[in-house]
Protein backbone atom coordinates (compact mmCIF):
# COMPACT_ATOMS: atom_id res chain seq x y z
CA MET A 1 49.21 -175.22 -64.55
CA LYS A 2 50.69 -173.63 -61.37
CA THR A 3 49.70 -175.05 -57.71
CA GLU A 4 48.87 -172.25 -55.39
CA ARG A 5 49.67 -172.39 -51.87
CA TYR A 6 47.82 -170.99 -49.01
CA LEU A 7 49.33 -168.76 -46.49
CA ALA A 8 49.25 -169.98 -42.91
CA GLU A 9 46.45 -168.10 -40.98
CA GLU A 10 48.87 -166.04 -38.95
CA ALA A 11 51.04 -165.10 -41.80
CA ALA A 12 47.98 -164.05 -43.88
CA ILE A 13 46.46 -161.93 -40.93
CA LYS A 14 49.97 -160.32 -40.39
CA LYS A 15 50.33 -159.53 -44.03
CA GLY A 16 46.81 -158.34 -44.26
CA VAL A 17 47.16 -155.98 -41.37
CA ASP A 18 50.89 -154.84 -42.33
CA ILE A 19 49.22 -153.77 -45.85
CA LEU A 20 46.45 -152.18 -44.12
CA VAL A 21 48.40 -150.00 -41.93
CA ARG A 22 50.79 -149.26 -44.67
CA GLU A 23 47.98 -148.05 -47.07
CA LEU A 24 45.50 -146.37 -44.64
CA GLY A 25 47.68 -145.55 -41.45
CA PRO A 26 47.27 -147.05 -38.14
CA VAL A 27 44.07 -145.30 -37.30
CA GLU A 28 42.03 -145.81 -40.15
CA ALA A 29 43.37 -149.36 -40.51
CA MET A 30 42.06 -149.73 -36.68
CA ARG A 31 38.96 -148.08 -37.62
CA PHE A 32 38.40 -150.35 -40.78
CA MET A 33 39.29 -153.55 -38.76
CA ASN A 34 36.31 -152.42 -36.09
CA LEU A 35 33.75 -151.80 -38.32
CA PRO A 36 30.55 -153.62 -37.31
CA ARG A 37 29.87 -156.50 -39.52
CA ASP A 38 26.29 -156.79 -40.90
CA ARG A 39 24.31 -159.91 -39.77
CA ARG A 40 22.92 -161.70 -42.50
CA LEU A 41 19.19 -161.98 -40.86
CA GLU A 42 17.55 -162.94 -44.34
CA THR A 43 19.51 -166.09 -44.40
CA VAL A 44 18.24 -167.04 -40.75
CA LYS A 45 14.99 -166.05 -41.67
CA ARG A 46 15.14 -168.13 -44.63
CA ASN A 47 16.40 -171.25 -43.01
CA GLN A 48 13.70 -170.60 -40.02
CA GLU A 49 10.91 -170.65 -42.47
CA TRP A 50 12.54 -173.78 -44.29
CA GLN A 51 12.73 -175.32 -40.95
CA LYS A 52 9.08 -174.72 -40.12
CA LEU A 53 8.05 -176.68 -43.22
CA LEU A 54 10.21 -179.40 -42.85
CA ASP A 55 8.99 -182.98 -42.56
CA LYS A 56 11.90 -184.27 -40.48
CA ASP A 57 11.30 -188.12 -41.11
CA ARG A 58 10.92 -187.68 -44.87
CA PHE A 59 13.95 -185.26 -44.95
CA PHE A 60 16.28 -188.06 -43.48
CA ASP A 61 14.78 -190.75 -45.42
CA GLU A 62 15.72 -188.80 -48.67
CA VAL A 63 19.16 -187.81 -47.32
CA PHE A 64 20.22 -190.96 -45.49
CA GLY A 65 17.84 -193.64 -46.88
């Protein structure tokens, strides 16, 4: 089985930007990189609901006890 190697973070970013610029052109690449990112509100709301129902002492006993 072949061992996979990760690129260093800076190298991965440079390679990704180079590919975007080459394939999309500089204007569209910048437009793509500046697209607003959707916030995952459903995840936040789900976590807040879970926290409201949480019995902290029982939870800690189950996890650490």
